[in-house]
Amino acid sequence: MLFIDFSSAFNTIIPQQLINKLNLLGLNTSLCNWILDFLTGRPQSVRVGHNTSSTATLSTGAPQGCVLSPLLFTLLTHDCTAKFSSNHIIKFADDTTVVGLISNNDETPYREEVAQLVEWCGANNLSLNVSKTKEVVMDFRRTSADHPPLTIDSSAVERVSSTKFLGVHITEDLTWTTNTMSLSKKAQQRLHFLRRLKRASLPPPILTTFYRGTIESVLTSCITTLQRTVNTAAKIIGAPLPSLLDIFLAQCSGKATSIVKDSTHPSYHFFQLLASGRRYRSIRARSARLLNSFFPQAVRTLNSNHLTPL
């Protein structure tokens, strides 16, 4: 897995190049002209205290902090797709990851995919920050082979045992220890503020609202085994709180239900009805890692809730 870092991704957008792609996507001329006018001729200055710099006019990039900028960047990169069937490119705004399945020790498709991506970035005015780009190799074979370093623009990409992607720590052994410790530390730090509010004699409803907004949101961003923090928060508040298992099952059921309602969802094919049409077919798994992953659990949750298949 190659976790790519761009240098000032939003600032490098060329408006006219974006508009050309929007035209190919079928957006009408009026909307394209509006976006072009929005991105070009933008006055900008810096103010510190009572001092204001001279105004500079920008005609490249998208404004930082604008809700439209991530969408525009996503549309700009819509044609960045994998060339080989064994590879997959995951994009979330400017966070891009190349996932390659290596078979028979042949890394050629993966390395050619990376080379093609570098070429695509050059053609679209995107600069790769090789020093911050990381590679994680996940090899569960009994005898692991040596993987030569990946090189981008004559610079070797650093190979790490774990990295953070969209707030989740992904490790080479696909365990949750690193991520759990990070979430637990962040949640424990916020318990301090919950205690401060308790000493200020705030009522349990307000304390519960604070807990759900600042602590439960951290724990449920990627649910693991962090029930001890929930129990501590419940003692501070003086009121019962839903367990992480209950929250997980509710969120799992909600996500699975939304998938089976959308036939265009990439994961829709994982939910297949049995001949009876009343239950979903269980997903076979050879390993505990797959058995305890989302999709088998989601199927079990749907069947246990006796939801009517759509």
Foldseek 3Di string as FASTA:
>chain_A
DKWWDWDQQQQQFQLVLLLVLVVVVPDDPVVSVVSQVQQFQDWDWDDDDPDIDDIDGDNGGDDPPDPCSLVSQCSSCVPLAQPDPQWGWDDRRRTIDIDGDDDPNDCVSVLVSVVVNLVVCVVRRIGIDQAPMEAEAADPDPDDDDDDFRDDPNDTHHYDQWDADPNAIAGSPRDRPVRVVVLLVQLVVCVVVLLVVLVVVDALVVSVVVCVVRRVCSCVVPPDPNQVSQVVSCVSSVHHDDGSVVVVLVVLQVVLVVLLVDPPDPCNVLFDADPVQQATDADDDPDVVVCPDRSNSSRVSCVVVSDRRD
